[in-house]
N, C-alpha and C. Protein backbone atom coordinates (compact mmCIF):
# COMPACT_ATOMS: atom_id res chain seq x y z
N MET A 1 31.15 -12.66 -13.67
CA MET A 1 30.70 -11.59 -14.53
C MET A 1 29.18 -11.64 -14.65
N ILE A 2 28.54 -10.50 -14.53
CA ILE A 2 27.08 -10.41 -14.67
C ILE A 2 26.75 -10.46 -16.15
N THR A 3 25.81 -11.32 -16.53
CA THR A 3 25.44 -11.47 -17.94
C THR A 3 24.01 -11.05 -18.24
N GLY A 4 23.23 -10.71 -17.22
CA GLY A 4 21.85 -10.32 -17.45
C GLY A 4 21.15 -10.08 -16.13
N ALA A 5 19.85 -9.92 -16.20
CA ALA A 5 19.05 -9.70 -14.99
C ALA A 5 17.76 -10.50 -15.11
N HIS A 6 17.28 -10.97 -13.99
CA HIS A 6 15.99 -11.65 -13.94
C HIS A 6 15.10 -10.84 -13.01
N VAL A 7 14.02 -10.33 -13.55
CA VAL A 7 13.08 -9.50 -12.78
C VAL A 7 11.91 -10.37 -12.36
N MET A 8 11.48 -10.23 -11.11
CA MET A 8 10.33 -10.97 -10.62
C MET A 8 9.23 -9.99 -10.23
N VAL A 9 8.03 -10.27 -10.70
CA VAL A 9 6.85 -9.50 -10.32
C VAL A 9 5.97 -10.46 -9.53
N PHE A 10 5.59 -10.08 -8.33
CA PHE A 10 4.75 -10.92 -7.49
C PHE A 10 3.31 -10.47 -7.64
N SER A 11 2.39 -11.43 -7.71
CA SER A 11 1.01 -11.13 -8.05
C SER A 11 0.04 -12.03 -7.29
N ARG A 12 -1.14 -11.51 -7.04
CA ARG A 12 -2.22 -12.33 -6.47
C ARG A 12 -2.86 -13.22 -7.52
N ASP A 13 -2.65 -12.89 -8.81
CA ASP A 13 -3.19 -13.69 -9.91
C ASP A 13 -2.11 -13.80 -11.00
N PRO A 14 -1.08 -14.61 -10.75
CA PRO A 14 0.04 -14.66 -11.68
C PRO A 14 -0.34 -15.13 -13.08
N GLN A 15 -1.26 -16.06 -13.20
CA GLN A 15 -1.64 -16.55 -14.53
C GLN A 15 -2.26 -15.43 -15.36
N ALA A 16 -3.16 -14.66 -14.76
CA ALA A 16 -3.80 -13.55 -15.48
C ALA A 16 -2.76 -12.49 -15.86
N ASP A 17 -1.82 -12.21 -14.97
CA ASP A 17 -0.79 -11.23 -15.27
C ASP A 17 0.14 -11.73 -16.38
N ARG A 18 0.47 -13.01 -16.37
CA ARG A 18 1.30 -13.57 -17.44
C ARG A 18 0.60 -13.43 -18.79
N GLU A 19 -0.69 -13.75 -18.82
CA GLU A 19 -1.45 -13.64 -20.07
C GLU A 19 -1.53 -12.18 -20.53
N PHE A 20 -1.70 -11.25 -19.59
CA PHE A 20 -1.74 -9.83 -19.91
C PHE A 20 -0.42 -9.37 -20.53
N LEU A 21 0.68 -9.75 -19.92
CA LEU A 21 2.00 -9.37 -20.44
C LEU A 21 2.23 -9.94 -21.84
N ARG A 22 1.78 -11.15 -22.05
CA ARG A 22 1.94 -11.80 -23.36
C ARG A 22 0.99 -11.20 -24.39
N ASP A 23 -0.29 -11.08 -24.03
CA ASP A 23 -1.32 -10.74 -25.01
C ASP A 23 -1.55 -9.24 -25.19
N MET A 24 -1.42 -8.47 -24.14
CA MET A 24 -1.69 -7.03 -24.23
C MET A 24 -0.43 -6.20 -24.44
N LEU A 25 0.66 -6.58 -23.77
CA LEU A 25 1.91 -5.83 -23.93
C LEU A 25 2.81 -6.46 -25.00
N ASP A 26 2.38 -7.61 -25.53
CA ASP A 26 3.11 -8.29 -26.62
C ASP A 26 4.56 -8.61 -26.27
N LEU A 27 4.82 -8.91 -24.99
CA LEU A 27 6.17 -9.30 -24.60
C LEU A 27 6.43 -10.74 -25.05
N PRO A 28 7.50 -10.98 -25.80
CA PRO A 28 7.79 -12.35 -26.22
C PRO A 28 8.13 -13.22 -25.01
N CYS A 29 7.73 -14.48 -25.08
CA CYS A 29 7.96 -15.37 -23.94
C CYS A 29 8.06 -16.81 -24.40
N ILE A 30 8.50 -17.64 -23.48
CA ILE A 30 8.49 -19.09 -23.68
C ILE A 30 7.74 -19.69 -22.49
N ASP A 31 7.16 -20.84 -22.72
CA ASP A 31 6.54 -21.59 -21.63
C ASP A 31 7.59 -22.56 -21.13
N SER A 32 8.06 -22.33 -19.91
CA SER A 32 9.11 -23.19 -19.37
C SER A 32 8.54 -24.44 -18.71
N GLY A 33 7.23 -24.63 -18.85
CA GLY A 33 6.57 -25.83 -18.32
C GLY A 33 5.39 -25.47 -17.45
N GLY A 34 4.26 -26.11 -17.70
CA GLY A 34 3.08 -25.93 -16.87
C GLY A 34 2.49 -24.53 -16.92
N GLY A 35 2.69 -23.81 -18.01
CA GLY A 35 2.14 -22.47 -18.12
C GLY A 35 2.99 -21.39 -17.46
N TRP A 36 4.18 -21.76 -17.00
CA TRP A 36 5.07 -20.80 -16.36
C TRP A 36 5.81 -20.05 -17.47
N LEU A 37 5.35 -18.84 -17.78
CA LEU A 37 5.93 -18.05 -18.86
C LEU A 37 7.14 -17.27 -18.36
N ILE A 38 8.19 -17.30 -19.15
CA ILE A 38 9.39 -16.50 -18.90
C ILE A 38 9.47 -15.51 -20.06
N PHE A 39 9.50 -14.23 -19.73
CA PHE A 39 9.43 -13.17 -20.73
C PHE A 39 10.81 -12.65 -21.09
N LYS A 40 10.99 -12.42 -22.38
CA LYS A 40 12.20 -11.77 -22.86
C LYS A 40 12.00 -10.27 -22.65
N LEU A 41 12.97 -9.64 -22.06
CA LEU A 41 12.88 -8.20 -21.87
C LEU A 41 13.70 -7.49 -22.94
N PRO A 42 13.26 -6.30 -23.28
CA PRO A 42 14.07 -5.49 -24.20
C PRO A 42 15.31 -5.00 -23.47
N PRO A 43 16.21 -4.31 -24.19
CA PRO A 43 17.38 -3.74 -23.49
C PRO A 43 16.93 -2.97 -22.25
N ALA A 44 17.76 -2.98 -21.25
CA ALA A 44 17.37 -2.41 -19.96
C ALA A 44 18.41 -1.41 -19.46
N GLU A 45 17.99 -0.62 -18.51
CA GLU A 45 18.89 0.25 -17.77
C GLU A 45 18.55 0.11 -16.30
N PHE A 46 19.45 0.52 -15.43
CA PHE A 46 19.31 0.29 -14.01
C PHE A 46 19.73 1.56 -13.29
N GLY A 47 18.90 2.08 -12.42
CA GLY A 47 19.24 3.26 -11.65
C GLY A 47 19.05 3.00 -10.17
N VAL A 48 19.80 3.72 -9.35
CA VAL A 48 19.67 3.60 -7.89
C VAL A 48 19.23 4.97 -7.38
N HIS A 49 18.07 5.01 -6.73
CA HIS A 49 17.50 6.26 -6.22
C HIS A 49 17.58 6.27 -4.70
N GLY A 50 17.62 7.44 -4.12
CA GLY A 50 17.59 7.55 -2.67
C GLY A 50 16.20 7.22 -2.13
N SER A 51 16.15 6.68 -0.91
CA SER A 51 14.87 6.30 -0.30
C SER A 51 15.03 6.26 1.21
N GLU A 52 13.93 6.46 1.90
CA GLU A 52 13.91 6.32 3.36
C GLU A 52 14.00 4.85 3.77
N LYS A 53 13.62 3.93 2.83
CA LYS A 53 13.61 2.50 3.12
C LYS A 53 14.47 1.76 2.10
N ASN A 54 15.02 0.64 2.52
CA ASN A 54 15.67 -0.28 1.60
C ASN A 54 14.65 -1.26 1.07
N ASP A 55 15.05 -2.05 0.09
CA ASP A 55 14.22 -3.10 -0.50
C ASP A 55 12.94 -2.57 -1.12
N VAL A 56 13.00 -1.36 -1.67
CA VAL A 56 11.90 -0.80 -2.44
C VAL A 56 12.37 -0.77 -3.88
N HIS A 57 11.68 -1.49 -4.76
CA HIS A 57 12.09 -1.60 -6.16
C HIS A 57 10.87 -1.35 -7.04
N GLU A 58 11.08 -0.73 -8.17
CA GLU A 58 9.99 -0.48 -9.12
C GLU A 58 10.43 -0.96 -10.49
N LEU A 59 9.46 -1.36 -11.30
CA LEU A 59 9.73 -1.79 -12.66
C LEU A 59 8.97 -0.89 -13.62
N TYR A 60 9.69 -0.28 -14.54
CA TYR A 60 9.09 0.50 -15.61
C TYR A 60 9.53 -0.11 -16.93
N LEU A 61 8.61 -0.26 -17.86
CA LEU A 61 8.96 -0.61 -19.22
C LEU A 61 9.17 0.68 -19.98
N ILE A 62 10.14 0.71 -20.87
CA ILE A 62 10.50 1.92 -21.61
C ILE A 62 9.88 1.87 -23.00
N CYS A 63 9.39 3.03 -23.45
CA CYS A 63 8.87 3.14 -24.81
C CYS A 63 9.44 4.40 -25.45
N ASP A 64 9.36 4.48 -26.77
CA ASP A 64 9.85 5.65 -27.49
C ASP A 64 8.85 6.79 -27.48
N ASP A 65 7.55 6.46 -27.43
CA ASP A 65 6.50 7.46 -27.51
C ASP A 65 5.36 7.02 -26.60
N VAL A 66 5.27 7.60 -25.42
CA VAL A 66 4.28 7.16 -24.43
C VAL A 66 2.86 7.44 -24.91
N ASP A 67 2.65 8.53 -25.66
CA ASP A 67 1.31 8.80 -26.17
C ASP A 67 0.85 7.71 -27.12
N ALA A 68 1.71 7.30 -28.05
CA ALA A 68 1.37 6.24 -29.00
C ALA A 68 1.19 4.90 -28.28
N THR A 69 2.02 4.64 -27.29
CA THR A 69 1.91 3.39 -26.52
C THR A 69 0.57 3.33 -25.79
N VAL A 70 0.20 4.43 -25.13
CA VAL A 70 -1.08 4.47 -24.41
C VAL A 70 -2.25 4.32 -25.40
N ALA A 71 -2.17 4.98 -26.54
CA ALA A 71 -3.24 4.88 -27.54
C ALA A 71 -3.39 3.42 -28.01
N GLY A 72 -2.27 2.74 -28.26
CA GLY A 72 -2.32 1.34 -28.67
C GLY A 72 -2.90 0.44 -27.59
N LEU A 73 -2.53 0.69 -26.34
CA LEU A 73 -3.07 -0.11 -25.24
C LEU A 73 -4.57 0.14 -25.07
N LYS A 74 -5.00 1.39 -25.21
CA LYS A 74 -6.43 1.70 -25.09
C LYS A 74 -7.23 1.01 -26.18
N ARG A 75 -6.67 0.89 -27.39
CA ARG A 75 -7.37 0.17 -28.47
C ARG A 75 -7.57 -1.30 -28.10
N LYS A 76 -6.71 -1.84 -27.25
CA LYS A 76 -6.84 -3.23 -26.79
C LYS A 76 -7.72 -3.33 -25.54
N GLY A 77 -8.23 -2.18 -25.07
CA GLY A 77 -9.07 -2.19 -23.88
C GLY A 77 -8.32 -2.08 -22.58
N VAL A 78 -7.05 -1.69 -22.63
CA VAL A 78 -6.23 -1.58 -21.42
C VAL A 78 -6.32 -0.15 -20.89
N ALA A 79 -6.73 -0.01 -19.64
CA ALA A 79 -6.79 1.31 -19.00
C ALA A 79 -5.39 1.72 -18.55
N CYS A 80 -5.06 2.98 -18.76
CA CYS A 80 -3.77 3.53 -18.34
C CYS A 80 -4.01 4.73 -17.45
N ASP A 81 -3.14 4.93 -16.48
CA ASP A 81 -3.18 6.15 -15.67
C ASP A 81 -2.89 7.34 -16.57
N ALA A 82 -3.20 8.53 -16.08
CA ALA A 82 -2.86 9.75 -16.81
C ALA A 82 -1.34 9.82 -16.99
N ILE A 83 -0.93 10.34 -18.12
CA ILE A 83 0.50 10.50 -18.38
C ILE A 83 0.99 11.69 -17.56
N GLY A 84 2.04 11.47 -16.79
CA GLY A 84 2.61 12.52 -15.95
C GLY A 84 4.01 12.88 -16.39
N GLN A 85 4.34 14.14 -16.23
CA GLN A 85 5.69 14.62 -16.54
C GLN A 85 6.56 14.48 -15.29
N ARG A 86 7.68 13.82 -15.43
CA ARG A 86 8.66 13.70 -14.36
C ARG A 86 9.94 14.37 -14.84
N GLU A 87 10.88 14.60 -13.95
CA GLU A 87 12.14 15.21 -14.40
C GLU A 87 12.92 14.28 -15.32
N TRP A 88 12.65 12.98 -15.26
CA TRP A 88 13.38 11.99 -16.04
C TRP A 88 12.61 11.49 -17.26
N GLY A 89 11.35 11.95 -17.44
CA GLY A 89 10.58 11.51 -18.59
C GLY A 89 9.08 11.64 -18.37
N ARG A 90 8.33 11.08 -19.30
CA ARG A 90 6.87 11.08 -19.22
C ARG A 90 6.43 9.66 -18.90
N ALA A 91 5.56 9.53 -17.89
CA ALA A 91 5.25 8.19 -17.37
C ALA A 91 3.76 7.98 -17.17
N THR A 92 3.39 6.72 -17.26
CA THR A 92 2.05 6.27 -16.95
C THR A 92 2.18 4.91 -16.25
N ALA A 93 1.05 4.30 -15.97
CA ALA A 93 1.05 2.95 -15.41
C ALA A 93 -0.18 2.22 -15.92
N VAL A 94 -0.07 0.92 -16.03
CA VAL A 94 -1.20 0.06 -16.35
C VAL A 94 -1.44 -0.85 -15.16
N GLU A 95 -2.71 -1.12 -14.91
CA GLU A 95 -3.05 -2.04 -13.83
C GLU A 95 -3.07 -3.45 -14.38
N LEU A 96 -2.34 -4.33 -13.72
CA LEU A 96 -2.33 -5.74 -14.10
C LEU A 96 -3.58 -6.43 -13.56
N PRO A 97 -4.03 -7.49 -14.20
CA PRO A 97 -5.23 -8.19 -13.72
C PRO A 97 -5.12 -8.64 -12.26
N GLY A 98 -3.89 -8.93 -11.80
CA GLY A 98 -3.69 -9.35 -10.42
C GLY A 98 -3.78 -8.22 -9.42
N GLY A 99 -3.94 -6.97 -9.90
CA GLY A 99 -4.12 -5.83 -9.01
C GLY A 99 -2.91 -4.93 -8.88
N GLY A 100 -1.74 -5.39 -9.29
CA GLY A 100 -0.55 -4.56 -9.23
C GLY A 100 -0.51 -3.58 -10.39
N LYS A 101 0.46 -2.67 -10.34
CA LYS A 101 0.64 -1.72 -11.43
C LYS A 101 2.04 -1.87 -12.02
N LEU A 102 2.12 -1.59 -13.30
CA LEU A 102 3.38 -1.66 -14.02
C LEU A 102 3.59 -0.31 -14.70
N GLY A 103 4.73 0.32 -14.43
CA GLY A 103 5.04 1.61 -15.01
C GLY A 103 5.51 1.49 -16.44
N ILE A 104 5.18 2.50 -17.24
CA ILE A 104 5.66 2.62 -18.61
C ILE A 104 6.12 4.06 -18.78
N TYR A 105 7.31 4.26 -19.34
CA TYR A 105 7.75 5.64 -19.51
C TYR A 105 8.57 5.87 -20.76
N GLU A 106 8.53 7.12 -21.18
CA GLU A 106 9.31 7.62 -22.30
C GLU A 106 10.44 8.44 -21.69
N PRO A 107 11.69 7.97 -21.77
CA PRO A 107 12.80 8.67 -21.14
C PRO A 107 13.04 10.04 -21.77
N ARG A 108 13.45 10.96 -20.95
CA ARG A 108 13.87 12.30 -21.39
C ARG A 108 15.27 12.58 -20.87
N HIS A 109 15.98 11.54 -20.48
CA HIS A 109 17.34 11.66 -19.96
C HIS A 109 18.29 10.96 -20.92
N GLN A 110 19.56 11.23 -20.78
CA GLN A 110 20.55 10.51 -21.57
C GLN A 110 20.49 9.04 -21.23
N ARG A 111 20.72 8.20 -22.22
CA ARG A 111 20.64 6.76 -22.00
C ARG A 111 22.00 6.12 -22.23
N PRO A 112 22.32 5.12 -21.42
CA PRO A 112 23.62 4.44 -21.59
C PRO A 112 23.68 3.64 -22.89
């Protein structure tokens, strides 16, 4: 029986990205040893989209109000992409210190 999910984000600067997730996005975490932070995720949902390629995965964090979330991040000095309207919700992205991007969105679809 599946009891949860473990998401991995690969980075050129994992320590900086861990600190960003902890300090800027306020994700709760534990130090499992040597500065290796394991983050608690909020409730999640999982979708499968069509693609020309396999092994393409994206991670979006969900929020209730993307405008308020972006405003709060900007107060902390975090740059966010422009908020875009998608058929499934309103979305933005933040650039992680390691150079990758992390999506954030406000769903506009039914949720499980």
